[in-house]
C-alpha atoms as a PDB file:
ATOM      1  CA  UNK A   1      -1.965  -2.086   3.487  1.00  0.00           C
ATOM      2  CA  UNK A   2      -4.643  -0.075   1.659  1.00  0.00           C
ATOM      3  CA  UNK A   3      -7.543  -2.565   1.989  1.00  0.00           C
ATOM      4  CA  UNK A   4      -6.517  -3.314   5.579  1.00  0.00           C
ATOM      5  CA  UNK A   5      -6.571   0.400   6.440  1.00  0.00           C
ATOM      6  CA  UNK A   6      -9.969   0.854   4.770  1.00  0.00           C
ATOM      7  CA  UNK A   7     -11.361  -2.155   6.639  1.00  0.00           C
ATOM      8  CA  UNK A   8     -10.112  -0.878  10.029  1.00  0.00           C
ATOM      9  CA  UNK A   9     -11.351   2.679   9.577  1.00  0.00           C
ATOM     10  CA  UNK A  10     -14.692   1.807   7.937  1.00  0.00           C
ATOM     11  CA  UNK A  11     -15.610  -0.651  10.694  1.00  0.00           C
ATOM     12  CA  UNK A  12     -14.602   1.813  13.439  1.00  0.00           C
ATOM     13  CA  UNK A  13     -16.299   4.730  11.671  1.00  0.00           C
ATOM     14  CA  UNK A  14     -19.525   2.748  11.449  1.00  0.00           C
ATOM     15  CA  UNK A  15     -19.445   1.883  15.150  1.00  0.00           C
ATOM     16  CA  UNK A  16     -18.901   5.528  16.065  1.00  0.00           C
ATOM     17  CA  UNK A  17     -21.935   6.556  14.024  1.00  0.00           C
ATOM     18  CA  UNK A  18     -24.305   4.230  15.877  1.00  0.00           C
ATOM     19  CA  UNK A  19     -22.993   4.433  19.443  1.00  0.00           C
ATOM     20  CA  UNK A  20     -25.395   6.563  21.545  1.00  0.00           C
ATOM     21  CA  UNK A  21     -24.278   9.814  23.109  1.00  0.00           C
ATOM     22  CA  UNK A  22     -22.825  11.336  19.940  1.00  0.00           C
ATOM     23  CA  UNK A  23     -22.556  15.030  19.022  1.00  0.00           C
ATOM     24  CA  UNK A  24     -26.262  15.335  18.198  1.00  0.00           C
ATOM     25  CA  UNK A  25     -27.266  13.956  21.600  1.00  0.00           C
ATOM     26  CA  UNK A  26     -24.701  16.173  23.328  1.00  0.00           C
ATOM     27  CA  UNK A  27     -26.095  19.331  21.720  1.00  0.00           C
ATOM     28  CA  UNK A  28     -29.660  18.271  22.538  1.00  0.00           C
ATOM     29  CA  UNK A  29     -28.700  17.841  26.195  1.00  0.00           C
ATOM     30  CA  UNK A  30     -27.231  21.333  26.196  1.00  0.00           C
ATOM     31  CA  UNK A  31     -30.343  22.765  24.543  1.00  0.00           C
ATOM     32  CA  UNK A  32     -32.481  21.082  27.189  1.00  0.00           C
ATOM     33  CA  UNK A  33     -30.356  22.602  29.920  1.00  0.00           C
ATOM     34  CA  UNK A  34     -28.845  19.287  31.005  1.00  0.00           C
ATOM     35  CA  UNK A  35     -25.236  18.413  31.681  1.00  0.00           C
ATOM     36  CA  UNK A  36     -23.395  15.479  30.134  1.00  0.00           C
ATOM     37  CA  UNK A  37     -24.473  13.246  33.001  1.00  0.00           C
ATOM     38  CA  UNK A  38     -28.130  14.262  32.755  1.00  0.00           C
ATOM     39  CA  UNK A  39     -28.147  16.802  35.626  1.00  0.00           C
ATOM     40  CA  UNK A  40     -30.269  19.887  35.031  1.00  0.00           C
ATOM     41  CA  UNK A  41     -28.266  23.054  34.352  1.00  0.00           C
ATOM     42  CA  UNK A  42     -31.121  25.409  33.513  1.00  0.00           C
ATOM     43  CA  UNK A  43     -34.900  25.410  33.779  1.00  0.00           C
ATOM     44  CA  UNK A  44     -35.501  27.828  30.876  1.00  0.00           C
ATOM     45  CA  UNK A  45     -34.948  25.327  28.053  1.00  0.00           C
ATOM     46  CA  UNK A  46     -37.949  23.739  26.358  1.00  0.00           C
ATOM     47  CA  UNK A  47     -38.471  20.472  24.502  1.00  0.00           C
ATOM     48  CA  UNK A  48     -36.610  19.742  21.253  1.00  0.00           C
ATOM     49  CA  UNK A  49     -38.736  19.512  18.138  1.00  0.00           C
ATOM     50  CA  UNK A  50     -38.243  16.983  15.355  1.00  0.00           C
ATOM     51  CA  UNK A  51     -37.258  19.805  12.973  1.00  0.00           C
ATOM     52  CA  UNK A  52     -34.498  20.894  15.352  1.00  0.00           C
ATOM     53  CA  UNK A  53     -33.199  17.332  15.618  1.00  0.00           C
ATOM     54  CA  UNK A  54     -33.126  16.973  11.834  1.00  0.00           C
ATOM     55  CA  UNK A  55     -31.299  20.295  11.536  1.00  0.00           C
ATOM     56  CA  UNK A  56     -28.669  19.074  14.002  1.00  0.00           C
ATOM     57  CA  UNK A  57     -28.295  15.790  12.136  1.00  0.00           C
ATOM     58  CA  UNK A  58     -27.808  17.722   8.896  1.00  0.00           C
ATOM     59  CA  UNK A  59     -25.260  20.005  10.554  1.00  0.00           C
ATOM     60  CA  UNK A  60     -23.155  17.032  11.678  1.00  0.00           C
ATOM     61  CA  UNK A  61     -23.736  15.091   8.448  1.00  0.00           C
ATOM     62  CA  UNK A  62     -25.832  12.328   9.981  1.00  0.00           C
ATOM     63  CA  UNK A  63     -28.603  12.797   7.406  1.00  0.00           C
ATOM     64  CA  UNK A  64     -26.491  11.111   4.684  1.00  0.00           C
ATOM     65  CA  UNK A  65     -25.892   7.362   4.134  1.00  0.00           C
ATOM     66  CA  UNK A  66     -22.974   5.768   5.969  1.00  0.00           C
ATOM     67  CA  UNK A  67     -20.810   5.106   2.854  1.00  0.00           C
ATOM     68  CA  UNK A  68     -21.200   8.722   1.759  1.00  0.00           C
ATOM     69  CA  UNK A  69     -20.234   9.994   5.219  1.00  0.00           C
ATOM     70  CA  UNK A  70     -17.227   7.692   5.299  1.00  0.00           C
ATOM     71  CA  UNK A  71     -16.061   8.855   1.868  1.00  0.00           C
ATOM     72  CA  UNK A  72     -16.317  12.496   2.975  1.00  0.00           C
ATOM     73  CA  UNK A  73     -14.323  11.698   6.116  1.00  0.00           C
ATOM     74  CA  UNK A  74     -11.705   9.738   4.153  1.00  0.00           C
ATOM     75  CA  UNK A  75     -11.120  12.115   1.232  1.00  0.00           C
ATOM     76  CA  UNK A  76     -12.569  15.564   1.885  1.00  0.00           C
ATOM     77  CA  UNK A  77     -11.717  15.647   5.596  1.00  0.00           C
ATOM     78  CA  UNK A  78      -8.323  13.943   5.033  1.00  0.00           C
ATOM     79  CA  UNK A  79      -9.005  10.925   7.264  1.00  0.00           C
ATOM     80  CA  UNK A  80     -10.587  13.276   9.782  1.00  0.00           C
ATOM     81  CA  UNK A  81      -7.463  15.358  10.443  1.00  0.00           C
ATOM     82  CA  UNK A  82      -8.959  18.505   8.918  1.00  0.00           C
ATOM     83  CA  UNK A  83     -12.209  18.322  10.948  1.00  0.00           C
ATOM     84  CA  UNK A  84     -12.795  20.490  13.995  1.00  0.00           C
ATOM     85  CA  UNK A  85     -13.062  18.757  17.334  1.00  0.00           C
ATOM     86  CA  UNK A  86     -16.445  18.588  19.046  1.00  0.00           C
ATOM     87  CA  UNK A  87     -14.915  19.112  22.489  1.00  0.00           C
ATOM     88  CA  UNK A  88     -12.233  21.679  21.626  1.00  0.00           C
ATOM     89  CA  UNK A  89     -13.808  24.473  19.538  1.00  0.00           C
ATOM     90  CA  UNK A  90     -11.767  26.121  16.776  1.00  0.00           C
ATOM     91  CA  UNK A  91      -9.157  23.366  16.866  1.00  0.00           C
ATOM     92  CA  UNK A  92      -8.790  20.709  14.208  1.00  0.00           C
ATOM     93  CA  UNK A  93      -7.892  17.119  14.954  1.00  0.00           C
ATOM     94  CA  UNK A  94      -4.492  17.663  13.338  1.00  0.00           C
ATOM     95  CA  UNK A  95      -3.749  20.635  15.610  1.00  0.00           C
ATOM     96  CA  UNK A  96      -4.602  18.587  18.702  1.00  0.00           C
ATOM     97  CA  UNK A  97      -2.425  15.697  17.563  1.00  0.00           C
ATOM     98  CA  UNK A  98       0.544  17.956  16.784  1.00  0.00           C
ATOM     99  CA  UNK A  99       0.250  19.530  20.232  1.00  0.00           C
ATOM    100  CA  UNK A 100       0.297  16.180  22.072  1.00  0.00           C
ATOM    101  CA  UNK A 101       2.619  14.290  19.734  1.00  0.00           C
ATOM    102  CA  UNK A 102       6.023  15.445  21.130  1.00  0.00           C
ATOM    103  CA  UNK A 103       5.154  14.234  24.641  1.00  0.00           C
ATOM    104  CA  UNK A 104       4.204  10.721  23.515  1.00  0.00           C
ATOM    105  CA  UNK A 105       7.187  10.706  21.169  1.00  0.00           C
ATOM    106  CA  UNK A 106       9.644  11.249  24.022  1.00  0.00           C
ATOM    107  CA  UNK A 107       8.042   8.706  26.355  1.00  0.00           C
ATOM    108  CA  UNK A 108       7.428   6.133  23.628  1.00  0.00           C
ATOM    109  CA  UNK A 109      10.915   6.124  22.108  1.00  0.00           C
ATOM    110  CA  UNK A 110      12.624   6.206  25.507  1.00  0.00           C
ATOM    111  CA  UNK A 111      10.604   3.278  26.828  1.00  0.00           C
ATOM    112  CA  UNK A 112      10.980   1.298  23.596  1.00  0.00           C
ATOM    113  CA  UNK A 113      14.755   1.719  23.337  1.00  0.00           C
ATOM    114  CA  UNK A 114      15.393   1.023  27.017  1.00  0.00           C
ATOM    115  CA  UNK A 115      13.221  -2.093  26.867  1.00  0.00           C
ATOM    116  CA  UNK A 116      15.306  -3.601  24.083  1.00  0.00           C
ATOM    117  CA  UNK A 117      18.597  -2.469  25.629  1.00  0.00           C
ATOM    118  CA  UNK A 118      17.681  -4.303  28.840  1.00  0.00           C
ATOM    119  CA  UNK A 119      15.754  -7.323  27.544  1.00  0.00           C
ATOM    120  CA  UNK A 120      18.178  -8.486  24.851  1.00  0.00           C
ATOM    121  CA  UNK A 121      21.284  -8.627  27.125  1.00  0.00           C
ATOM    122  CA  UNK A 122      19.212 -10.091  29.957  1.00  0.00           C
ATOM    123  CA  UNK A 123      17.765 -12.773  27.695  1.00  0.00           C
ATOM    124  CA  UNK A 124      21.249 -13.651  26.440  1.00  0.00           C
ATOM    125  CA  UNK A 125      22.588 -13.870  29.998  1.00  0.00           C
ATOM    126  CA  UNK A 126      19.702 -16.127  31.025  1.00  0.00           C
ATOM    127  CA  UNK A 127      20.302 -18.409  28.026  1.00  0.00           C
ATOM    128  CA  UNK A 128      24.024 -18.728  28.737  1.00  0.00           C
ATOM    129  CA  UNK A 129      23.284 -19.484  32.409  1.00  0.00           C
ATOM    130  CA  UNK A 130      20.219 -21.636  31.775  1.00  0.00           C
ATOM    131  CA  UNK A 131      19.141 -23.491  34.912  1.00  0.00           C
ATOM    132  CA  UNK A 132      21.555 -21.617  37.166  1.00  0.00           C
ATOM    133  CA  UNK A 133      20.919 -19.365  40.133  1.00  0.00           C
ATOM    134  CA  UNK A 134      20.973 -16.210  37.998  1.00  0.00           C
ATOM    135  CA  UNK A 135      18.422 -17.677  35.587  1.00  0.00           C
ATOM    136  CA  UNK A 136      16.048 -18.682  38.375  1.00  0.00           C
ATOM    137  CA  UNK A 137      16.343 -15.380  40.290  1.00  0.00           C
ATOM    138  CA  UNK A 138      15.873 -13.239  37.177  1.00  0.00           C
ATOM    139  CA  UNK A 139      12.912 -15.390  36.069  1.00  0.00           C
ATOM    140  CA  UNK A 140      11.190 -14.676  39.386  1.00  0.00           C
ATOM    141  CA  UNK A 141      11.600 -10.927  38.840  1.00  0.00           C
ATOM    142  CA  UNK A 142      10.512 -11.186  35.208  1.00  0.00           C
ATOM    143  CA  UNK A 143       7.305 -13.094  36.006  1.00  0.00           C
ATOM    144  CA  UNK A 144       6.420 -10.737  38.860  1.00  0.00           C
ATOM    145  CA  UNK A 145       6.722  -7.840  36.433  1.00  0.00           C
ATOM    146  CA  UNK A 146       4.635  -9.716  33.868  1.00  0.00           C
ATOM    147  CA  UNK A 147       1.863 -10.366  36.398  1.00  0.00           C
ATOM    148  CA  UNK A 148       1.493  -6.687  37.371  1.00  0.00           C
ATOM    149  CA  UNK A 149      -0.488  -4.516  34.909  1.00  0.00           C
ATOM    150  CA  UNK A 150       1.515  -1.401  33.948  1.00  0.00           C
ATOM    151  CA  UNK A 151      -1.138   1.037  35.186  1.00  0.00           C
ATOM    152  CA  UNK A 152      -1.373  -0.764  38.549  1.00  0.00           C
ATOM    153  CA  UNK A 153       2.406  -0.727  38.782  1.00  0.00           C
ATOM    154  CA  UNK A 154       2.269   3.015  38.145  1.00  0.00           C
ATOM    155  CA  UNK A 155      -0.167   3.589  41.003  1.00  0.00           C
ATOM    156  CA  UNK A 156       2.064   1.586  43.341  1.00  0.00           C
ATOM    157  CA  UNK A 157       5.092   3.639  42.273  1.00  0.00           C
ATOM    158  CA  UNK A 158       3.178   6.877  42.881  1.00  0.00           C
ATOM    159  CA  UNK A 159       2.233   5.718  46.355  1.00  0.00           C
ATOM    160  CA  UNK A 160       5.812   4.716  47.211  1.00  0.00           C
ATOM    161  CA  UNK A 161       7.921   7.453  45.620  1.00  0.00           C
ATOM    162  CA  UNK A 162       5.727  10.505  44.980  1.00  0.00           C
ATOM    163  CA  UNK A 163       4.789  11.479  48.515  1.00  0.00           C
ATOM    164  CA  UNK A 164       1.148  10.506  48.079  1.00  0.00           C
ATOM    165  CA  UNK A 165       1.181   9.177  51.633  1.00  0.00           C
ATOM    166  CA  UNK A 166       3.303  10.508  54.484  1.00  0.00           C
ATOM    167  CA  UNK A 167       4.765   7.089  55.303  1.00  0.00           C
ATOM    168  CA  UNK A 168       6.718   6.788  52.036  1.00  0.00           C
ATOM    169  CA  UNK A 169       9.308   8.760  50.075  1.00  0.00           C
ATOM    170  CA  UNK A 170       8.753  11.961  48.112  1.00  0.00           C
ATOM    171  CA  UNK A 171      11.382  11.519  45.396  1.00  0.00           C
ATOM    172  CA  UNK A 172       9.529  12.135  42.117  1.00  0.00           C
ATOM    173  CA  UNK A 173       6.767  14.480  40.895  1.00  0.00           C
ATOM    174  CA  UNK A 174       3.234  13.164  41.089  1.00  0.00           C
ATOM    175  CA  UNK A 175       2.185  14.065  37.546  1.00  0.00           C
ATOM    176  CA  UNK A 176       2.902  16.053  34.419  1.00  0.00           C
ATOM    177  CA  UNK A 177       5.653  16.196  31.814  1.00  0.00           C
ATOM    178  CA  UNK A 178       7.674  19.014  33.375  1.00  0.00           C
ATOM    179  CA  UNK A 179       7.464  21.498  36.224  1.00  0.00           C
ATOM    180  CA  UNK A 180       6.097  25.024  36.141  1.00  0.00           C
ATOM    181  CA  UNK A 181       8.697  27.529  34.990  1.00  0.00           C
ATOM    182  CA  UNK A 182      10.443  24.897  32.857  1.00  0.00           C
ATOM    183  CA  UNK A 183      11.256  27.394  30.096  1.00  0.00           C
ATOM    184  CA  UNK A 184      13.259  29.609  32.482  1.00  0.00           C
ATOM    185  CA  UNK A 185      15.439  26.765  33.818  1.00  0.00           C
ATOM    186  CA  UNK A 186      19.049  26.193  32.854  1.00  0.00           C
ATOM    187  CA  UNK A 187      19.967  23.288  30.583  1.00  0.00           C
ATOM    188  CA  UNK A 188      21.095  21.107  33.484  1.00  0.00           C
ATOM    189  CA  UNK A 189      17.976  21.925  35.494  1.00  0.00           C
ATOM    190  CA  UNK A 190      15.771  21.071  32.487  1.00  0.00           C
ATOM    191  CA  UNK A 191      17.485  17.699  32.065  1.00  0.00           C
ATOM    192  CA  UNK A 192      17.055  16.914  35.764  1.00  0.00           C
ATOM    193  CA  UNK A 193      13.404  17.987  35.734  1.00  0.00           C
ATOM    194  CA  UNK A 194      12.602  15.855  32.678  1.00  0.00           C
ATOM    195  CA  UNK A 195      14.397  12.868  34.204  1.00  0.00           C
ATOM    196  CA  UNK A 196      12.378  13.144  37.412  1.00  0.00           C
ATOM    197  CA  UNK A 197       9.086  13.378  35.517  1.00  0.00           C
ATOM    198  CA  UNK A 198       9.923  10.575  33.081  1.00  0.00           C
ATOM    199  CA  UNK A 199      11.535   8.000  35.379  1.00  0.00           C
ATOM    200  CA  UNK A 200       8.417   6.350  36.825  1.00  0.00           C
ATOM    201  CA  UNK A 201       6.254   6.455  33.659  1.00  0.00           C
ATOM    202  CA  UNK A 202       9.077   4.978  31.568  1.00  0.00           C
ATOM    203  CA  UNK A 203       9.395   2.131  34.074  1.00  0.00           C
ATOM    204  CA  UNK A 204       5.709   1.406  33.533  1.00  0.00           C
ATOM    205  CA  UNK A 205       6.177   1.478  29.757  1.00  0.00           C
ATOM    206  CA  UNK A 206       8.985  -1.092  30.085  1.00  0.00           C
ATOM    207  CA  UNK A 207       7.040  -3.471  32.345  1.00  0.00           C
ATOM    208  CA  UNK A 208       4.458  -4.129  29.636  1.00  0.00           C
ATOM    209  CA  UNK A 209       6.868  -5.909  27.254  1.00  0.00           C
ATOM    210  CA  UNK A 210       9.736  -6.709  29.601  1.00  0.00           C
ATOM    211  CA  UNK A 211       8.926 -10.347  30.354  1.00  0.00           C
ATOM    212  CA  UNK A 212       7.849 -11.288  26.837  1.00  0.00           C
ATOM    213  CA  UNK A 213      10.954  -9.895  25.131  1.00  0.00           C
ATOM    214  CA  UNK A 214      13.335 -11.310  27.733  1.00  0.00           C
ATOM    215  CA  UNK A 215      11.952 -14.840  27.524  1.00  0.00           C
ATOM    216  CA  UNK A 216      11.664 -14.635  23.742  1.00  0.00           C
ATOM    217  CA  UNK A 217      15.344 -13.704  23.471  1.00  0.00           C
ATOM    218  CA  UNK A 218      16.368 -16.464  25.875  1.00  0.00           C
ATOM    219  CA  UNK A 219      14.337 -19.211  24.216  1.00  0.00           C
ATOM    220  CA  UNK A 220      15.352 -18.131  20.732  1.00  0.00           C
ATOM    221  CA  UNK A 221      19.062 -18.228  21.606  1.00  0.00           C
ATOM    222  CA  UNK A 222      18.720 -21.585  23.361  1.00  0.00           C
ATOM    223  CA  UNK A 223      17.004 -22.999  20.290  1.00  0.00           C
ATOM    224  CA  UNK A 224      19.804 -21.791  18.017  1.00  0.00           C
ATOM    225  CA  UNK A 225      22.521 -23.128  20.327  1.00  0.00           C
ATOM    226  CA  UNK A 226      20.933 -26.597  20.075  1.00  0.00           C
ATOM    227  CA  UNK A 227      20.909 -26.627  16.268  1.00  0.00           C
ATOM    228  CA  UNK A 228      23.123 -28.929  14.212  1.00  0.00           C
ATOM    229  CA  UNK A 229      25.031 -26.095  12.560  1.00  0.00           C
ATOM    230  CA  UNK A 230      26.319 -24.937  15.957  1.00  0.00           C
ATOM    231  CA  UNK A 231      27.586 -28.457  16.680  1.00  0.00           C
ATOM    232  CA  UNK A 232      29.288 -28.428  13.282  1.00  0.00           C
ATOM    233  CA  UNK A 233      30.980 -25.117  14.048  1.00  0.00           C
ATOM    234  CA  UNK A 234      32.204 -26.459  17.385  1.00  0.00           C
ATOM    235  CA  UNK A 235      33.400 -29.714  15.761  1.00  0.00           C
ATOM    236  CA  UNK A 236      35.506 -27.732  13.303  1.00  0.00           C
ATOM    237  CA  UNK A 237      37.460 -26.250  16.209  1.00  0.00           C
ATOM    238  CA  UNK A 238      35.678 -22.941  16.831  1.00  0.00           C
ATOM    239  CA  UNK A 239      35.333 -21.728  20.390  1.00  0.00           C
ATOM    240  CA  UNK A 240      31.954 -21.656  22.125  1.00  0.00           C
ATOM    241  CA  UNK A 241      31.993 -17.863  22.165  1.00  0.00           C
ATOM    242  CA  UNK A 242      32.665 -17.799  18.413  1.00  0.00           C
ATOM    243  CA  UNK A 243      29.816 -20.218  17.751  1.00  0.00           C
ATOM    244  CA  UNK A 244      27.358 -18.235  19.884  1.00  0.00           C
ATOM    245  CA  UNK A 245      28.244 -14.670  18.932  1.00  0.00           C
ATOM    246  CA  UNK A 246      29.281 -15.332  15.347  1.00  0.00           C
ATOM    247  CA  UNK A 247      26.465 -17.659  14.313  1.00  0.00           C
ATOM    248  CA  UNK A 248      23.696 -18.296  16.853  1.00  0.00           C
ATOM    249  CA  UNK A 249      23.166 -14.717  18.032  1.00  0.00           C
ATOM    250  CA  UNK A 250      22.245 -13.270  14.649  1.00  0.00           C
ATOM    251  CA  UNK A 251      19.714 -16.005  13.925  1.00  0.00           C
ATOM    252  CA  UNK A 252      18.255 -15.637  17.421  1.00  0.00           C
ATOM    253  CA  UNK A 253      17.416 -11.995  16.691  1.00  0.00           C
ATOM    254  CA  UNK A 254      14.960 -12.908  13.919  1.00  0.00           C
ATOM    255  CA  UNK A 255      11.945 -13.414  16.274  1.00  0.00           C
ATOM    256  CA  UNK A 256      12.933 -10.243  18.156  1.00  0.00           C
ATOM    257  CA  UNK A 257      12.779  -8.254  14.910  1.00  0.00           C
ATOM    258  CA  UNK A 258       9.025  -8.771  14.871  1.00  0.00           C
ATOM    259  CA  UNK A 259       8.633  -6.009  17.438  1.00  0.00           C
ATOM    260  CA  UNK A 260      11.002  -3.502  15.839  1.00  0.00           C
ATOM    261  CA  UNK A 261       8.203  -1.984  13.800  1.00  0.00           C
ATOM    262  CA  UNK A 262       6.235  -1.396  16.991  1.00  0.00           C
ATOM    263  CA  UNK A 263       8.286   1.721  17.652  1.00  0.00           C
ATOM    264  CA  UNK A 264       6.100   3.601  15.156  1.00  0.00           C
ATOM    265  CA  UNK A 265       2.894   2.953  17.081  1.00  0.00           C
ATOM    266  CA  UNK A 266       4.387   3.069  20.591  1.00  0.00           C
ATOM    267  CA  UNK A 267       5.923   6.475  20.082  1.00  0.00           C
ATOM    268  CA  UNK A 268       2.644   7.780  18.659  1.00  0.00           C
ATOM    269  CA  UNK A 269      -0.121   6.335  20.790  1.00  0.00           C
ATOM    270  CA  UNK A 270       1.747   5.708  24.025  1.00  0.00           C
ATOM    271  CA  UNK A 271      -0.261   4.064  26.785  1.00  0.00           C
ATOM    272  CA  UNK A 272      -3.721   5.334  27.629  1.00  0.00           C
ATOM    273  CA  UNK A 273      -3.815   4.167  31.244  1.00  0.00           C
ATOM    274  CA  UNK A 274      -0.207   5.090  32.064  1.00  0.00           C
ATOM    275  CA  UNK A 275      -0.754   8.621  30.791  1.00  0.00           C
ATOM    276  CA  UNK A 276      -3.970   8.772  32.785  1.00  0.00           C
ATOM    277  CA  UNK A 277      -2.279   7.621  36.009  1.00  0.00           C
ATOM    278  CA  UNK A 278       0.558  10.142  35.732  1.00  0.00           C
ATOM    279  CA  UNK A 279      -1.609  12.846  34.073  1.00  0.00           C
ATOM    280  CA  UNK A 280       0.715  13.099  31.083  1.00  0.00           C
ATOM    281  CA  UNK A 281      -0.707  15.291  28.271  1.00  0.00           C
ATOM    282  CA  UNK A 282       0.075  12.816  25.489  1.00  0.00           C
ATOM    283  CA  UNK A 283      -1.729  11.004  22.699  1.00  0.00           C
ATOM    284  CA  UNK A 284      -3.019   8.228  24.934  1.00  0.00           C
ATOM    285  CA  UNK A 285      -4.774  10.622  27.263  1.00  0.00           C
ATOM    286  CA  UNK A 286      -6.153  12.592  24.317  1.00  0.00           C
ATOM    287  CA  UNK A 287      -7.727   9.439  22.880  1.00  0.00           C
ATOM    288  CA  UNK A 288      -9.208   8.541  26.276  1.00  0.00           C
ATOM    289  CA  UNK A 289     -10.703  12.032  26.655  1.00  0.00           C
ATOM    290  CA  UNK A 290     -12.120  11.765  23.130  1.00  0.00           C
ATOM    291  CA  UNK A 291     -13.827   8.459  23.961  1.00  0.00           C
ATOM    292  CA  UNK A 292     -15.264   9.710  27.258  1.00  0.00           C
ATOM    293  CA  UNK A 293     -16.571  12.954  25.747  1.00  0.00           C
ATOM    294  CA  UNK A 294     -17.825  11.212  22.549  1.00  0.00           C
ATOM    295  CA  UNK A 295     -15.479  13.340  20.411  1.00  0.00           C
ATOM    296  CA  UNK A 296     -15.594  10.880  17.524  1.00  0.00           C
ATOM    297  CA  UNK A 297     -13.592  13.017  15.119  1.00  0.00           C
ATOM    298  CA  UNK A 298     -10.579  13.159  17.435  1.00  0.00           C
ATOM    299  CA  UNK A 299     -10.844   9.446  18.182  1.00  0.00           C
ATOM    300  CA  UNK A 300     -11.066   8.517  14.501  1.00  0.00           C
ATOM    301  CA  UNK A 301      -8.174  10.835  13.618  1.00  0.00           C
ATOM    302  CA  UNK A 302      -5.953   9.177  16.226  1.00  0.00           C
ATOM    303  CA  UNK A 303      -7.141   5.718  15.183  1.00  0.00           C
ATOM    304  CA  UNK A 304      -6.442   6.304  11.491  1.00  0.00           C
ATOM    305  CA  UNK A 305      -2.986   7.763  12.128  1.00  0.00           C
ATOM    306  CA  UNK A 306      -2.139   4.895  14.486  1.00  0.00           C
ATOM    307  CA  UNK A 307      -3.395   2.344  11.936  1.00  0.00           C
ATOM    308  CA  UNK A 308      -1.163   3.803   9.229  1.00  0.00           C
ATOM    309  CA  UNK A 309       1.875   3.728  11.507  1.00  0.00           C
ATOM    310  CA  UNK A 310       1.029   0.200  12.635  1.00  0.00           C
ATOM    311  CA  UNK A 311       0.898  -1.047   9.050  1.00  0.00           C
ATOM    312  CA  UNK A 312       4.150   0.742   8.230  1.00  0.00           C
ATOM    313  CA  UNK A 313       5.651  -0.862  11.332  1.00  0.00           C
ATOM    314  CA  UNK A 314       4.768  -4.311   9.990  1.00  0.00           C
ATOM    315  CA  UNK A 315       6.575  -3.424   6.795  1.00  0.00           C
ATOM    316  CA  UNK A 316       9.574  -2.173   8.803  1.00  0.00           C
ATOM    317  CA  UNK A 317       9.715  -5.482  10.660  1.00  0.00           C
ATOM    318  CA  UNK A 318       9.862  -7.345   7.345  1.00  0.00           C
ATOM    319  CA  UNK A 319      12.833  -5.236   6.257  1.00  0.00           C
ATOM    320  CA  UNK A 320      14.503  -5.953   9.588  1.00  0.00           C
ATOM    321  CA  UNK A 321      14.258  -9.656   8.735  1.00  0.00           C
ATOM    322  CA  UNK A 322      16.267  -9.007   5.589  1.00  0.00           C
ATOM    323  CA  UNK A 323      18.943  -7.067   7.454  1.00  0.00           C
ATOM    324  CA  UNK A 324      19.359  -9.760  10.102  1.00  0.00           C
ATOM    325  CA  UNK A 325      19.223 -12.791   7.808  1.00  0.00           C
ATOM    326  CA  UNK A 326      20.146 -12.185   4.131  1.00  0.00           C
ATOM    327  CA  UNK A 327      18.849 -15.682   3.270  1.00  0.00           C
ATOM    328  CA  UNK A 328      15.281 -14.425   3.666  1.00  0.00           C
ATOM    329  CA  UNK A 329      13.847 -13.176   0.372  1.00  0.00           C
ATOM    330  CA  UNK A 330      10.409 -11.890  -0.560  1.00  0.00           C
ATOM    331  CA  UNK A 331      10.897 -12.614  -4.250  1.00  0.00           C
ATOM    332  CA  UNK A 332       8.962 -15.411  -5.900  1.00  0.00           C
ATOM    333  CA  UNK A 333      11.211 -18.324  -6.641  1.00  0.00           C
ATOM    334  CA  UNK A 334      10.435 -20.926  -9.287  1.00  0.00           C
END
């Protein structure tokens, strides 16, 4: 995990240092009286001297070699979490992440759990009714969902159910995590308000992995049902239900366990485009704003935290293998 993390962050840190439009260029544009897009804001500013440019590069640490800058970011700045944001003055990267984290946590965990609660039973039902009418009808729905990008699906849902146009229904809020005056609402009103704001975005979260998990569960169970050990169980007098639920089902969950560790990254990073479509103030939208505004410190802080959680998620998936199938062992055997 350690060399992988260093490789991810060093490569990304190096790219951020050389991409044009960084903090030095942003300050120079402001000193010249220009906006971020190059439009003139003031006519009083003069040209920037080479001494001023070098002073700005020294202020942001760009006068030092890349390895030395990376080491400062990694150790002294605590993987960038202790650095102040370029876009949000007087706020560290850690403070920005803590502020946005609860929103992505709620959406990420809800979408992740609901996806597995729906896909696993649906995949089992499709496997047990393989080739039937239910299997064919559900496959049509699954592949339609797979073909639609989640952010495009979100825009369609907004058009149909958020009153964007007068010809459709106004059932859900257009954007945000909760309504104004949320703190003064009763407990029941808060639950209803959160449900209305979360319903459409969570559907978009589920669409992204819905088809893959459903078909993976179906194919994995079908493969296990066709194995010789299931025929042996049936030949010894066990019922079909006993053979499926007592033997095949547990082994069929092994490929599904690969995605269990993804809950660590999903709940943290969320989806950039989904949060942008529904204007949700979460981690995904924060990372997008950091990229657009060239706020490299915020972007690198989010990237490093997401990389750590992603690597821990891989480790969690390996432990899930052990829980599902005790025959799997990571010990060296002679």
